[in-house]
Amino acid sequence: MVNFCHWLMKVGTIVARGKDIKQENRVKVRKCFYDGDILTKNMIIGETGFSNGAVTNILKEFIDEGEILLLGEAESTGGRKSKQYNLNRDHIHLLNVIIKRATTTNEIALTIVDLKGKPIESRTYYAPVSLREKIMGSIGEAVKQDPLIKIVSISIPGVAHRGVITICDCEPLIHWPIEEAIRRSLHLEVRVENDVNAACVGFYQGHQDSLAVAFLYQPMVKYVGCGMVLNHRLFKGANSFAGELSYLPFVDPSNQDKLLEADPQGLLKTQLVSLCCVVNPDVVGVCSDNFECLPDWDLQECLPKTHVPKLVWVGDFYGLVSRGLYATARDYLVYNEN
């Protein structure tokens, strides 16, 4: 009896491992379509190293599930024509939500995008009061209009830890378990991220060969935010607090307010040098609402030449946020079975 139970456990382990390998193979093939465009079977085989039979079976599954489309055959080059495949952009849709604290109100910008990140429709709502209800209502309205929406990615001007907003410029959102509220009420997969972290993910899309990428954003009236992608992963720290450079002890909050008005470039330089000493980034994106181009900083006054990062000026902060929200949802779709 003991030997039989041991055999059953061994068989179960083998079956489970087989399922894991199959899922890993599906992920690798799926990633080819999200990273590329129109593909042939031979192109996928070359990218993954899988056998012809394995790729054929996975493609059939994806086509049956509606995730991949068979487009037809390529032009003949003298031999057998190759079949062409592409990601079904409208298999499901994604919803990007950017929440901002404006001068006199709160702003909710929604954009429905397809699986390649192409915008389908955008709307903006304003909520001077009842912000939580407005967020839920606007997302619900979008889903009612487009039932293909399955994932919502949200950026906030604050910190969310384990789906609960802990710090936020939009004060009505503090202590709100936003992920649970949306999952329970609207039955969507939810990703909530700090807006600067989302922008950093968007910035990283253009610097994926770098092991240490950072992004600095200096608003006009609030303190600087920083996002970091280290070893190709967004680094958030133990409690999603990493990158809150305004808490550096060199400049207290009252003096930061004065410097932000009188010398925003000098303040940002101090924070940038601090970041370089701690993280040693290879490339840093810089965006500020207080000046229009990259300052002529000589960082070698503060840092050894070898450790001075490449600086890249970014003019469109929320464009990067949108790009980062899409990338976050895309990565979830690539690596998870739905």
C-alpha atoms as a PDB file:
ATOM      1  CA  MET A   1       0.000   0.000   0.000  1.00  0.00           C
ATOM      2  CA  VAL A   2       2.829   2.370   0.897  1.00  0.00           C
ATOM      3  CA  ASN A   3       4.588   1.622  -2.399  1.00  0.00           C
ATOM      4  CA  PHE A   4       1.341   2.217  -4.326  1.00  0.00           C
ATOM      5  CA  CYS A   5       0.807   5.596  -2.626  1.00  0.00           C
ATOM      6  CA  HIS A   6       4.394   6.528  -3.394  1.00  0.00           C
ATOM      7  CA  TRP A   7       3.836   5.589  -7.037  1.00  0.00           C
ATOM      8  CA  LEU A   8       0.664   7.721  -7.187  1.00  0.00           C
ATOM      9  CA  MET A   9       2.521  10.706  -5.721  1.00  0.00           C
ATOM     10  CA  LYS A  10       5.338  10.244  -8.232  1.00  0.00           C
ATOM     11  CA  VAL A  11       2.876  10.060 -11.141  1.00  0.00           C
ATOM     12  CA  GLY A  12       1.093  13.177  -9.861  1.00  0.00           C
ATOM     13  CA  THR A  13       4.396  15.043  -9.658  1.00  0.00           C
ATOM     14  CA  ILE A  14       5.291  14.029 -13.216  1.00  0.00           C
ATOM     15  CA  VAL A  15       1.854  15.130 -14.514  1.00  0.00           C
ATOM     16  CA  ALA A  16       2.101  18.466 -12.673  1.00  0.00           C
ATOM     17  CA  ARG A  17       5.592  19.058 -14.026  1.00  0.00           C
ATOM     18  CA  GLY A  18       4.344  18.223 -17.512  1.00  0.00           C
ATOM     19  CA  LYS A  19       1.619  20.857 -17.164  1.00  0.00           C
ATOM     20  CA  ASP A  20       4.199  23.397 -15.945  1.00  0.00           C
ATOM     21  CA  ILE A  21       6.432  22.725 -18.953  1.00  0.00           C
ATOM     22  CA  LYS A  22       3.488  23.033 -21.327  1.00  0.00           C
ATOM     23  CA  GLN A  23       2.503  26.355 -19.764  1.00  0.00           C
ATOM     24  CA  GLU A  24       6.097  27.588 -20.002  1.00  0.00           C
ATOM     25  CA  ASN A  25       6.152  26.645 -23.682  1.00  0.00           C
ATOM     26  CA  ARG A  26       2.879  28.480 -24.291  1.00  0.00           C
ATOM     27  CA  VAL A  27       4.326  31.567 -22.581  1.00  0.00           C
ATOM     28  CA  LYS A  28       7.400  31.544 -24.832  1.00  0.00           C
ATOM     29  CA  VAL A  29       5.304  31.250 -27.994  1.00  0.00           C
ATOM     30  CA  ARG A  30       2.838  33.898 -26.790  1.00  0.00           C
ATOM     31  CA  LYS A  31       5.705  36.274 -26.018  1.00  0.00           C
ATOM     32  CA  CYS A  32       6.862  36.018 -29.644  1.00  0.00           C
ATOM     33  CA  PHE A  33       3.542  37.491 -30.760  1.00  0.00           C
ATOM     34  CA  TYR A  34       3.507  40.307 -28.203  1.00  0.00           C
ATOM     35  CA  ASP A  35       7.099  41.229 -29.079  1.00  0.00           C
ATOM     36  CA  GLY A  36       6.727  40.826 -32.841  1.00  0.00           C
ATOM     37  CA  ASP A  37       4.195  41.248 -35.597  1.00  0.00           C
ATOM     38  CA  ILE A  38       3.282  38.805 -38.378  1.00  0.00           C
ATOM     39  CA  LEU A  39       5.091  35.505 -37.787  1.00  0.00           C
ATOM     40  CA  THR A  40       5.551  32.179 -39.529  1.00  0.00           C
ATOM     41  CA  LYS A  41       6.002  28.839 -37.836  1.00  0.00           C
ATOM     42  CA  ASN A  42       9.688  28.758 -38.781  1.00  0.00           C
ATOM     43  CA  MET A  43      10.209  32.186 -37.218  1.00  0.00           C
ATOM     44  CA  ILE A  44       8.685  30.929 -33.944  1.00  0.00           C
ATOM     45  CA  ILE A  45      10.787  27.751 -34.056  1.00  0.00           C
ATOM     46  CA  GLY A  46      13.901  29.864 -34.571  1.00  0.00           C
ATOM     47  CA  GLU A  47      12.993  32.136 -31.639  1.00  0.00           C
ATOM     48  CA  THR A  48      12.001  29.402 -29.152  1.00  0.00           C
ATOM     49  CA  GLY A  49      14.030  26.389 -30.242  1.00  0.00           C
ATOM     50  CA  PHE A  50      10.912  24.202 -30.047  1.00  0.00           C
ATOM     51  CA  SER A  51      10.199  21.365 -32.442  1.00  0.00           C
ATOM     52  CA  ASN A  52       7.852  21.787 -35.405  1.00  0.00           C
ATOM     53  CA  GLY A  53       5.301  19.525 -33.732  1.00  0.00           C
ATOM     54  CA  ALA A  54       5.340  21.456 -30.448  1.00  0.00           C
ATOM     55  CA  VAL A  55       4.861  24.801 -32.182  1.00  0.00           C
ATOM     56  CA  THR A  56       2.098  23.380 -34.400  1.00  0.00           C
ATOM     57  CA  ASN A  57       0.164  22.132 -31.354  1.00  0.00           C
ATOM     58  CA  ILE A  58       0.543  25.389 -29.417  1.00  0.00           C
ATOM     59  CA  LEU A  59      -0.511  27.485 -32.411  1.00  0.00           C
ATOM     60  CA  LYS A  60      -3.607  25.313 -32.870  1.00  0.00           C
ATOM     61  CA  GLU A  61      -4.547  25.857 -29.203  1.00  0.00           C
ATOM     62  CA  PHE A  62      -4.091  29.624 -29.471  1.00  0.00           C
ATOM     63  CA  ILE A  63      -6.123  29.783 -32.689  1.00  0.00           C
ATOM     64  CA  ASP A  64      -8.927  27.703 -31.149  1.00  0.00           C
ATOM     65  CA  GLU A  65      -8.925  30.007 -28.109  1.00  0.00           C
ATOM     66  CA  GLY A  66      -9.059  33.117 -30.324  1.00  0.00           C
ATOM     67  CA  GLU A  67      -5.777  34.596 -29.078  1.00  0.00           C
ATOM     68  CA  ILE A  68      -3.913  34.112 -32.379  1.00  0.00           C
ATOM     69  CA  LEU A  69      -5.189  34.597 -35.925  1.00  0.00           C
ATOM     70  CA  LEU A  70      -4.194  32.596 -39.007  1.00  0.00           C
ATOM     71  CA  LEU A  71      -3.806  35.283 -41.669  1.00  0.00           C
ATOM     72  CA  GLY A  72      -3.135  33.083 -44.688  1.00  0.00           C
ATOM     73  CA  GLU A  73      -0.038  32.181 -46.647  1.00  0.00           C
ATOM     74  CA  ALA A  74       3.035  34.255 -47.435  1.00  0.00           C
ATOM     75  CA  GLU A  75       4.241  34.848 -50.959  1.00  0.00           C
ATOM     76  CA  SER A  76       6.118  31.828 -52.299  1.00  0.00           C
ATOM     77  CA  THR A  77       9.903  32.053 -52.490  1.00  0.00           C
ATOM     78  CA  GLY A  78      10.126  28.952 -54.634  1.00  0.00           C
ATOM     79  CA  GLY A  79       9.312  26.365 -51.994  1.00  0.00           C
ATOM     80  CA  ARG A  80       6.251  25.540 -49.944  1.00  0.00           C
ATOM     81  CA  LYS A  81       4.283  28.606 -48.879  1.00  0.00           C
ATOM     82  CA  SER A  82       4.502  29.485 -45.182  1.00  0.00           C
ATOM     83  CA  LYS A  83       1.399  30.206 -43.160  1.00  0.00           C
ATOM     84  CA  GLN A  84       1.323  33.563 -41.400  1.00  0.00           C
ATOM     85  CA  TYR A  85       0.048  34.191 -37.888  1.00  0.00           C
ATOM     86  CA  ASN A  86      -0.592  37.296 -35.832  1.00  0.00           C
ATOM     87  CA  LEU A  87      -1.822  38.303 -32.385  1.00  0.00           C
ATOM     88  CA  ASN A  88      -5.571  38.916 -32.309  1.00  0.00           C
ATOM     89  CA  ARG A  89      -5.537  42.542 -31.120  1.00  0.00           C
ATOM     90  CA  ASP A  90      -9.195  42.300 -30.153  1.00  0.00           C
ATOM     91  CA  HIS A  91      -9.052  39.004 -28.267  1.00  0.00           C
ATOM     92  CA  ILE A  92      -9.485  41.130 -25.162  1.00  0.00           C
ATOM     93  CA  HIS A  93      -9.093  44.856 -24.451  1.00  0.00           C
ATOM     94  CA  LEU A  94      -7.227  46.690 -21.702  1.00  0.00           C
ATOM     95  CA  LEU A  95      -8.242  49.780 -19.753  1.00  0.00           C
ATOM     96  CA  ASN A  96      -5.665  52.374 -18.670  1.00  0.00           C
ATOM     97  CA  VAL A  97      -6.779  54.719 -15.888  1.00  0.00           C
ATOM     98  CA  ILE A  98      -4.690  57.732 -14.858  1.00  0.00           C
ATOM     99  CA  ILE A  99      -5.799  59.531 -11.703  1.00  0.00           C
ATOM    100  CA  LYS A 100      -4.455  63.078 -11.207  1.00  0.00           C
ATOM    101  CA  ARG A 101      -4.821  65.808  -8.627  1.00  0.00           C
ATOM    102  CA  ALA A 102      -5.519  68.954 -10.632  1.00  0.00           C
ATOM    103  CA  THR A 103      -5.562  72.516  -9.234  1.00  0.00           C
ATOM    104  CA  THR A 104      -9.226  72.603  -8.236  1.00  0.00           C
ATOM    105  CA  THR A 105     -10.477  69.061  -8.833  1.00  0.00           C
ATOM    106  CA  ASN A 106      -9.514  65.427  -9.349  1.00  0.00           C
ATOM    107  CA  GLU A 107      -9.117  64.097 -12.882  1.00  0.00           C
ATOM    108  CA  ILE A 108      -9.727  60.542 -14.116  1.00  0.00           C
ATOM    109  CA  ALA A 109      -8.409  59.819 -17.621  1.00  0.00           C
ATOM    110  CA  LEU A 110      -9.527  56.503 -19.144  1.00  0.00           C
ATOM    111  CA  THR A 111      -8.198  54.943 -22.344  1.00  0.00           C
ATOM    112  CA  ILE A 112      -9.309  51.637 -23.836  1.00  0.00           C
ATOM    113  CA  VAL A 113      -6.446  49.976 -25.746  1.00  0.00           C
ATOM    114  CA  ASP A 114      -6.102  46.790 -27.787  1.00  0.00           C
ATOM    115  CA  LEU A 115      -3.539  44.068 -27.126  1.00  0.00           C
ATOM    116  CA  LYS A 116      -0.867  45.912 -29.105  1.00  0.00           C
ATOM    117  CA  GLY A 117      -1.417  49.101 -27.104  1.00  0.00           C
ATOM    118  CA  LYS A 118      -3.299  51.005 -29.811  1.00  0.00           C
ATOM    119  CA  PRO A 119      -5.832  53.429 -28.252  1.00  0.00           C
ATOM    120  CA  ILE A 120      -9.462  52.675 -29.126  1.00  0.00           C
ATOM    121  CA  GLU A 121     -11.252  55.359 -27.132  1.00  0.00           C
ATOM    122  CA  SER A 122     -10.391  57.910 -24.449  1.00  0.00           C
ATOM    123  CA  ARG A 123     -12.517  59.802 -21.950  1.00  0.00           C
ATOM    124  CA  THR A 124     -11.786  62.200 -19.097  1.00  0.00           C
ATOM    125  CA  TYR A 125     -13.910  62.675 -15.979  1.00  0.00           C
ATOM    126  CA  TYR A 126     -13.678  65.264 -13.199  1.00  0.00           C
ATOM    127  CA  ALA A 127     -14.555  64.600  -9.581  1.00  0.00           C
ATOM    128  CA  PRO A 128     -14.233  67.471  -7.101  1.00  0.00           C
ATOM    129  CA  VAL A 129     -16.037  65.218  -4.598  1.00  0.00           C
ATOM    130  CA  SER A 130     -17.005  61.525  -4.345  1.00  0.00           C
ATOM    131  CA  LEU A 131     -13.782  60.463  -6.077  1.00  0.00           C
ATOM    132  CA  ARG A 132     -14.033  56.770  -5.186  1.00  0.00           C
ATOM    133  CA  GLU A 133     -17.568  56.532  -6.550  1.00  0.00           C
ATOM    134  CA  LYS A 134     -16.560  58.373  -9.724  1.00  0.00           C
ATOM    135  CA  ILE A 135     -13.656  56.005 -10.342  1.00  0.00           C
ATOM    136  CA  MET A 136     -15.854  52.938  -9.905  1.00  0.00           C
ATOM    137  CA  GLY A 137     -18.626  54.443 -12.016  1.00  0.00           C
ATOM    138  CA  SER A 138     -16.373  55.490 -14.893  1.00  0.00           C
ATOM    139  CA  ILE A 139     -14.675  52.078 -15.052  1.00  0.00           C
ATOM    140  CA  GLY A 140     -18.062  50.353 -14.898  1.00  0.00           C
ATOM    141  CA  GLU A 141     -19.317  52.557 -17.721  1.00  0.00           C
ATOM    142  CA  ALA A 142     -16.299  51.664 -19.867  1.00  0.00           C
ATOM    143  CA  VAL A 143     -16.803  47.928 -19.291  1.00  0.00           C
ATOM    144  CA  LYS A 144     -20.488  48.216 -20.116  1.00  0.00           C
ATOM    145  CA  GLN A 145     -19.561  49.958 -23.357  1.00  0.00           C
ATOM    146  CA  ASP A 146     -16.767  47.458 -24.174  1.00  0.00           C
ATOM    147  CA  PRO A 147     -17.276  43.991 -22.635  1.00  0.00           C
ATOM    148  CA  LEU A 148     -13.914  42.889 -24.065  1.00  0.00           C
ATOM    149  CA  ILE A 149     -12.161  44.815 -21.259  1.00  0.00           C
ATOM    150  CA  LYS A 150     -10.661  42.252 -18.877  1.00  0.00           C
ATOM    151  CA  ILE A 151      -7.753  44.083 -17.241  1.00  0.00           C
ATOM    152  CA  VAL A 152      -7.613  47.586 -15.768  1.00  0.00           C
ATOM    153  CA  SER A 153      -4.258  49.240 -14.999  1.00  0.00           C
ATOM    154  CA  ILE A 154      -4.433  52.302 -12.741  1.00  0.00           C
ATOM    155  CA  SER A 155      -1.839  54.943 -11.896  1.00  0.00           C
ATOM    156  CA  ILE A 156      -2.188  57.101  -8.804  1.00  0.00           C
ATOM    157  CA  PRO A 157      -0.196  60.089  -7.494  1.00  0.00           C
ATOM    158  CA  GLY A 158       0.775  58.146  -4.393  1.00  0.00           C
ATOM    159  CA  VAL A 159       1.673  54.738  -2.997  1.00  0.00           C
ATOM    160  CA  ALA A 160      -0.367  51.532  -3.158  1.00  0.00           C
ATOM    161  CA  HIS A 161       0.780  48.522  -1.142  1.00  0.00           C
ATOM    162  CA  ARG A 162      -0.919  45.150  -1.625  1.00  0.00           C
ATOM    163  CA  GLY A 163      -3.814  46.819  -3.387  1.00  0.00           C
ATOM    164  CA  VAL A 164      -4.445  49.427  -0.671  1.00  0.00           C
ATOM    165  CA  ILE A 165      -3.646  53.118  -1.233  1.00  0.00           C
ATOM    166  CA  THR A 166      -1.514  54.287   1.697  1.00  0.00           C
ATOM    167  CA  ILE A 167      -0.230  57.705   0.542  1.00  0.00           C
ATOM    168  CA  CYS A 168      -1.885  59.851  -2.110  1.00  0.00           C
ATOM    169  CA  ASP A 169      -2.152  63.448  -3.305  1.00  0.00           C
ATOM    170  CA  CYS A 170      -5.870  62.691  -3.816  1.00  0.00           C
ATOM    171  CA  GLU A 171      -6.716  62.429  -0.129  1.00  0.00           C
ATOM    172  CA  PRO A 172     -10.139  60.714  -0.504  1.00  0.00           C
ATOM    173  CA  LEU A 173      -8.312  57.639  -1.849  1.00  0.00           C
ATOM    174  CA  ILE A 174      -6.108  57.099   1.210  1.00  0.00           C
ATOM    175  CA  HIS A 175      -6.766  53.750   2.964  1.00  0.00           C
ATOM    176  CA  TRP A 176      -8.958  52.558   0.064  1.00  0.00           C
ATOM    177  CA  PRO A 177      -8.490  48.864  -0.910  1.00  0.00           C
ATOM    178  CA  ILE A 178      -8.971  49.788  -4.560  1.00  0.00           C
ATOM    179  CA  GLU A 179      -7.948  46.457  -6.102  1.00  0.00           C
ATOM    180  CA  GLU A 180     -10.382  44.466  -3.959  1.00  0.00           C
ATOM    181  CA  ALA A 181     -13.194  46.954  -4.643  1.00  0.00           C
ATOM    182  CA  ILE A 182     -12.787  46.684  -8.424  1.00  0.00           C
ATOM    183  CA  ARG A 183     -12.357  42.900  -8.469  1.00  0.00           C
ATOM    184  CA  ARG A 184     -15.398  42.356  -6.264  1.00  0.00           C
ATOM    185  CA  SER A 185     -17.700  44.813  -8.011  1.00  0.00           C
ATOM    186  CA  LEU A 186     -16.562  44.689 -11.649  1.00  0.00           C
ATOM    187  CA  HIS A 187     -14.837  41.276 -11.873  1.00  0.00           C
ATOM    188  CA  LEU A 188     -11.728  42.627 -13.567  1.00  0.00           C
ATOM    189  CA  GLU A 189      -8.060  41.838 -13.104  1.00  0.00           C
ATOM    190  CA  VAL A 190      -6.527  44.965 -11.533  1.00  0.00           C
ATOM    191  CA  ARG A 191      -3.054  46.484 -11.404  1.00  0.00           C
ATOM    192  CA  VAL A 192      -2.545  49.672  -9.344  1.00  0.00           C
ATOM    193  CA  GLU A 193       0.760  51.530  -9.516  1.00  0.00           C
ATOM    194  CA  ASN A 194       2.346  54.810  -8.464  1.00  0.00           C
ATOM    195  CA  ASP A 195       2.354  57.154 -11.461  1.00  0.00           C
ATOM    196  CA  VAL A 196       6.133  57.687 -11.422  1.00  0.00           C
ATOM    197  CA  ASN A 197       6.725  53.927 -11.218  1.00  0.00           C
ATOM    198  CA  ALA A 198       4.402  53.484 -14.193  1.00  0.00           C
ATOM    199  CA  ALA A 199       6.307  56.193 -16.085  1.00  0.00           C
ATOM    200  CA  CYS A 200       9.580  54.451 -15.227  1.00  0.00           C
ATOM    201  CA  VAL A 201       8.247  51.186 -16.676  1.00  0.00           C
ATOM    202  CA  GLY A 202       7.263  53.137 -19.793  1.00  0.00           C
ATOM    203  CA  PHE A 203      10.715  54.757 -19.970  1.00  0.00           C
ATOM    204  CA  TYR A 204      12.379  51.348 -19.532  1.00  0.00           C
ATOM    205  CA  GLN A 205      10.693  50.087 -22.715  1.00  0.00           C
ATOM    206  CA  GLY A 206      13.254  52.132 -24.649  1.00  0.00           C
ATOM    207  CA  HIS A 207      16.219  51.021 -22.516  1.00  0.00           C
ATOM    208  CA  GLN A 208      15.694  47.305 -21.989  1.00  0.00           C
ATOM    209  CA  ASP A 209      19.396  46.479 -22.425  1.00  0.00           C
ATOM    210  CA  SER A 210      20.244  48.393 -19.232  1.00  0.00           C
ATOM    211  CA  LEU A 211      20.370  46.635 -15.862  1.00  0.00           C
ATOM    212  CA  ALA A 212      19.724  49.785 -13.811  1.00  0.00           C
ATOM    213  CA  VAL A 213      17.224  52.329 -15.130  1.00  0.00           C
ATOM    214  CA  ALA A 214      15.722  55.189 -13.118  1.00  0.00           C
ATOM    215  CA  PHE A 215      13.218  57.930 -13.820  1.00  0.00           C
ATOM    216  CA  LEU A 216      12.838  61.243 -11.957  1.00  0.00           C
ATOM    217  CA  TYR A 217       9.726  63.417 -12.111  1.00  0.00           C
ATOM    218  CA  GLN A 218       9.556  66.842 -10.494  1.00  0.00           C
ATOM    219  CA  PRO A 219       6.008  68.268 -10.351  1.00  0.00           C
ATOM    220  CA  MET A 220       5.429  71.995 -10.123  1.00  0.00           C
ATOM    221  CA  VAL A 221       3.898  72.065  -6.665  1.00  0.00           C
ATOM    222  CA  LYS A 222       4.689  68.696  -5.102  1.00  0.00           C
ATOM    223  CA  TYR A 223       7.833  66.783  -4.286  1.00  0.00           C
ATOM    224  CA  VAL A 224       9.950  64.713  -6.666  1.00  0.00           C
ATOM    225  CA  GLY A 225       9.104  61.095  -7.425  1.00  0.00           C
ATOM    226  CA  CYS A 226      11.471  58.378  -8.596  1.00  0.00           C
ATOM    227  CA  GLY A 227      10.951  54.992 -10.211  1.00  0.00           C
ATOM    228  CA  MET A 228      13.587  52.280 -10.662  1.00  0.00           C
ATOM    229  CA  VAL A 229      13.801  49.189 -12.858  1.00  0.00           C
ATOM    230  CA  LEU A 230      16.692  47.064 -11.589  1.00  0.00           C
ATOM    231  CA  ASN A 231      17.733  43.820 -13.279  1.00  0.00           C
ATOM    232  CA  HIS A 232      14.706  44.215 -15.586  1.00  0.00           C
ATOM    233  CA  ARG A 233      12.208  44.354 -12.718  1.00  0.00           C
ATOM    234  CA  LEU A 234      10.407  47.311 -11.165  1.00  0.00           C
ATOM    235  CA  PHE A 235      11.930  47.868  -7.733  1.00  0.00           C
ATOM    236  CA  LYS A 236       9.405  49.020  -5.129  1.00  0.00           C
ATOM    237  CA  GLY A 237      11.075  48.119  -1.828  1.00  0.00           C
ATOM    238  CA  ALA A 238       9.556  46.324   1.152  1.00  0.00           C
ATOM    239  CA  ASN A 239       6.435  48.508   1.382  1.00  0.00           C
ATOM    240  CA  SER A 240       6.279  50.126  -2.081  1.00  0.00           C
ATOM    241  CA  PHE A 241       8.065  53.196  -0.630  1.00  0.00           C
ATOM    242  CA  ALA A 242      11.262  52.998  -2.692  1.00  0.00           C
ATOM    243  CA  GLY A 243      11.915  56.132  -4.720  1.00  0.00           C
ATOM    244  CA  GLU A 244      10.311  58.631  -2.332  1.00  0.00           C
ATOM    245  CA  LEU A 245      13.308  60.960  -2.607  1.00  0.00           C
ATOM    246  CA  SER A 246      11.479  63.876  -1.002  1.00  0.00           C
ATOM    247  CA  TYR A 247      12.133  62.172   2.349  1.00  0.00           C
ATOM    248  CA  LEU A 248      15.918  62.396   1.974  1.00  0.00           C
ATOM    249  CA  PRO A 249      17.154  64.150   5.142  1.00  0.00           C
ATOM    250  CA  PHE A 250      19.345  66.705   3.343  1.00  0.00           C
ATOM    251  CA  VAL A 251      16.478  69.106   2.673  1.00  0.00           C
ATOM    252  CA  ASP A 252      13.513  69.365   5.071  1.00  0.00           C
ATOM    253  CA  PRO A 253       9.986  69.822   3.644  1.00  0.00           C
ATOM    254  CA  SER A 254       9.776  73.574   4.272  1.00  0.00           C
ATOM    255  CA  ASN A 255      13.095  74.210   2.492  1.00  0.00           C
ATOM    256  CA  GLN A 256      12.057  71.906  -0.331  1.00  0.00           C
ATOM    257  CA  ASP A 257       9.043  74.131  -0.948  1.00  0.00           C
ATOM    258  CA  LYS A 258      11.325  77.174  -1.130  1.00  0.00           C
ATOM    259  CA  LEU A 259      13.874  75.472  -3.393  1.00  0.00           C
ATOM    260  CA  LEU A 260      11.160  74.095  -5.669  1.00  0.00           C
ATOM    261  CA  GLU A 261      10.127  77.682  -6.344  1.00  0.00           C
ATOM    262  CA  ALA A 262      13.546  79.377  -6.292  1.00  0.00           C
ATOM    263  CA  ASP A 263      15.935  76.728  -7.619  1.00  0.00           C
ATOM    264  CA  PRO A 264      14.116  73.617  -8.931  1.00  0.00           C
ATOM    265  CA  GLN A 265      17.127  72.577 -11.018  1.00  0.00           C
ATOM    266  CA  GLY A 266      19.458  72.686  -8.016  1.00  0.00           C
ATOM    267  CA  LEU A 267      17.002  70.720  -5.880  1.00  0.00           C
ATOM    268  CA  LEU A 268      16.584  68.045  -8.560  1.00  0.00           C
ATOM    269  CA  LYS A 269      20.347  67.793  -9.039  1.00  0.00           C
ATOM    270  CA  THR A 270      20.831  67.103  -5.309  1.00  0.00           C
ATOM    271  CA  GLN A 271      18.205  64.362  -5.439  1.00  0.00           C
ATOM    272  CA  LEU A 272      19.683  62.923  -8.654  1.00  0.00           C
ATOM    273  CA  VAL A 273      23.171  62.686  -7.144  1.00  0.00           C
ATOM    274  CA  SER A 274      21.746  60.962  -4.067  1.00  0.00           C
ATOM    275  CA  LEU A 275      20.008  58.451  -6.334  1.00  0.00           C
ATOM    276  CA  CYS A 276      23.251  57.806  -8.243  1.00  0.00           C
ATOM    277  CA  CYS A 277      25.162  57.103  -5.029  1.00  0.00           C
ATOM    278  CA  VAL A 278      22.608  54.580  -3.766  1.00  0.00           C
ATOM    279  CA  VAL A 279      21.452  52.826  -6.954  1.00  0.00           C
ATOM    280  CA  ASN A 280      24.211  53.568  -9.501  1.00  0.00           C
ATOM    281  CA  PRO A 281      21.831  53.702 -12.481  1.00  0.00           C
ATOM    282  CA  ASP A 282      23.088  53.290 -16.031  1.00  0.00           C
ATOM    283  CA  VAL A 283      20.497  55.665 -17.504  1.00  0.00           C
ATOM    284  CA  VAL A 284      18.117  58.166 -15.872  1.00  0.00           C
ATOM    285  CA  GLY A 285      15.059  59.768 -17.434  1.00  0.00           C
ATOM    286  CA  VAL A 286      14.427  63.307 -16.184  1.00  0.00           C
ATOM    287  CA  CYS A 287      11.123  65.164 -16.379  1.00  0.00           C
ATOM    288  CA  SER A 288      10.166  68.424 -14.671  1.00  0.00           C
ATOM    289  CA  ASP A 289       7.183  70.740 -14.830  1.00  0.00           C
ATOM    290  CA  ASN A 290       9.481  73.607 -13.788  1.00  0.00           C
ATOM    291  CA  PHE A 291      11.825  73.807 -16.800  1.00  0.00           C
ATOM    292  CA  GLU A 292      11.677  72.769 -20.436  1.00  0.00           C
ATOM    293  CA  CYS A 293      14.919  70.938 -21.201  1.00  0.00           C
ATOM    294  CA  LEU A 294      17.736  69.013 -19.553  1.00  0.00           C
ATOM    295  CA  PRO A 295      19.874  71.340 -17.391  1.00  0.00           C
ATOM    296  CA  ASP A 296      23.547  71.697 -18.167  1.00  0.00           C
ATOM    297  CA  TRP A 297      24.624  69.817 -15.052  1.00  0.00           C
ATOM    298  CA  ASP A 298      28.258  68.838 -14.523  1.00  0.00           C
ATOM    299  CA  LEU A 299      27.710  65.742 -12.399  1.00  0.00           C
ATOM    300  CA  GLN A 300      31.462  65.077 -12.335  1.00  0.00           C
ATOM    301  CA  GLU A 301      31.650  67.808  -9.698  1.00  0.00           C
ATOM    302  CA  CYS A 302      29.797  65.392  -7.413  1.00  0.00           C
ATOM    303  CA  LEU A 303      30.465  61.895  -8.803  1.00  0.00           C
ATOM    304  CA  PRO A 304      33.407  59.969 -10.275  1.00  0.00           C
ATOM    305  CA  LYS A 305      33.245  60.151 -14.074  1.00  0.00           C
ATOM    306  CA  THR A 306      32.803  56.371 -14.391  1.00  0.00           C
ATOM    307  CA  HIS A 307      29.595  56.482 -12.381  1.00  0.00           C
ATOM    308  CA  VAL A 308      27.869  59.407 -14.074  1.00  0.00           C
ATOM    309  CA  PRO A 309      24.729  57.984 -15.751  1.00  0.00           C
ATOM    310  CA  LYS A 310      23.343  58.825 -19.159  1.00  0.00           C
ATOM    311  CA  LEU A 311      20.615  61.458 -18.712  1.00  0.00           C
ATOM    312  CA  VAL A 312      17.593  61.555 -21.024  1.00  0.00           C
ATOM    313  CA  TRP A 313      15.120  64.452 -21.033  1.00  0.00           C
ATOM    314  CA  VAL A 314      11.438  63.434 -21.145  1.00  0.00           C
ATOM    315  CA  GLY A 315       8.799  65.994 -22.055  1.00  0.00           C
ATOM    316  CA  ASP A 316       5.621  63.890 -21.920  1.00  0.00           C
ATOM    317  CA  PHE A 317       5.222  62.449 -18.426  1.00  0.00           C
ATOM    318  CA  TYR A 318       1.699  61.065 -18.844  1.00  0.00           C
ATOM    319  CA  GLY A 319       2.574  59.591 -22.224  1.00  0.00           C
ATOM    320  CA  LEU A 320       5.149  57.470 -20.407  1.00  0.00           C
ATOM    321  CA  VAL A 321       2.608  56.619 -17.689  1.00  0.00           C
ATOM    322  CA  SER A 322       0.221  55.280 -20.359  1.00  0.00           C
ATOM    323  CA  ARG A 323       3.018  53.292 -21.958  1.00  0.00           C
ATOM    324  CA  GLY A 324       3.949  51.814 -18.584  1.00  0.00           C
ATOM    325  CA  LEU A 325       0.362  50.866 -17.746  1.00  0.00           C
ATOM    326  CA  TYR A 326       0.067  49.027 -21.062  1.00  0.00           C
ATOM    327  CA  ALA A 327       3.392  47.230 -20.490  1.00  0.00           C
ATOM    328  CA  THR A 328       2.249  46.137 -17.019  1.00  0.00           C
ATOM    329  CA  ALA A 329      -0.987  44.638 -18.380  1.00  0.00           C
ATOM    330  CA  ARG A 330       0.826  43.080 -21.351  1.00  0.00           C
ATOM    331  CA  ASP A 331       3.321  41.313 -19.086  1.00  0.00           C
ATOM    332  CA  TYR A 332       0.492  39.939 -16.969  1.00  0.00           C
ATOM    333  CA  LEU A 333      -1.199  38.546 -20.086  1.00  0.00           C
ATOM    334  CA  VAL A 334       2.003  37.004 -21.442  1.00  0.00           C
ATOM    335  CA  TYR A 335       2.896  35.130 -18.277  1.00  0.00           C
ATOM    336  CA  ASN A 336      -0.549  34.126 -17.007  1.00  0.00           C
ATOM    337  CA  GLU A 337      -3.148  31.799 -18.479  1.00  0.00           C
ATOM    338  CA  ASN A 338      -6.597  33.386 -18.693  1.00  0.00           C
END
